[in-house]
Amino acid sequence: MTVTVVDHPLVVDALARIRDASTPNGVFRDHMERMGLLLLAEATRELPLRATSVTTPLETTDARRLATQPVIVPILRAGLGFLPPAQSLLPDADVGFVGISRDEATFSPKPYVNRLPERLEGRPVIVVDPMLATGGSLVHTCELLLERGAPTPITVVCALAAPEGIARIEAAGIDVRVFTAAIDERLNDQAFIVPGLGDAGDRLFGSVNTER
């Protein structure tokens, strides 16, 4: 397992804005997507290429293209915040979905959606989820991907990571590369990342428990 903290100035600036409790949902989404674009650019730096040629308006010249299109897997629902920048960078990539909620008493993952390709051999996989907190959702998702033959290392893109989540992935022995904007201090008693940014899903899409 490797963890890369992307300290690009624009990532750092976006992180400050999404941490701010006064940032409204719409602006939060904008800066989450801005951060995601930069994190994903770094995370896809080593995608394999194949040699080809293209015909310009003047002549034919050597070129290189992606050897194969990756599969993007957002973990619902917060992972949808990184899907627009992922599709912007990789418009031909397939998208699979894994839905996992959290048991608020035990903090264990509760899967509710699995829409993944049946076979993933030879397809680079990029999992996107803004928060790597306990690591339970990510371990479950990676296990589903490995069952379908996903090559390793699996690439993971998140806005924030907690030491406890990183430790859980390491303990599971899953070969992943994590790209994140920051490794925060810890989890609190409710398994939220501290200092964190609150509930990423609620701040992206609104609270499902709020009456309007």
Foldseek 3Di string as FASTA:
>chain_A
DAEAADADPLLVVLLVQLQDPPRALVVVLVSLQVNLLVLVVVLCVPQDKDKDWDQDPVGIDIDIDGPDQAEEEEEPDLQVSNVVSVCVVRVPHHYWYWYWDADQVPRATDTDDGGDDQAAAPHAYEYEHAEQFQLRVVVVVLVVNVVRPHDPDHEYEYAEYEPNSVVVVVVVVHGYYYYYNYYAYHADPSRAGVVHNPDSVCSNPNDPPDDD
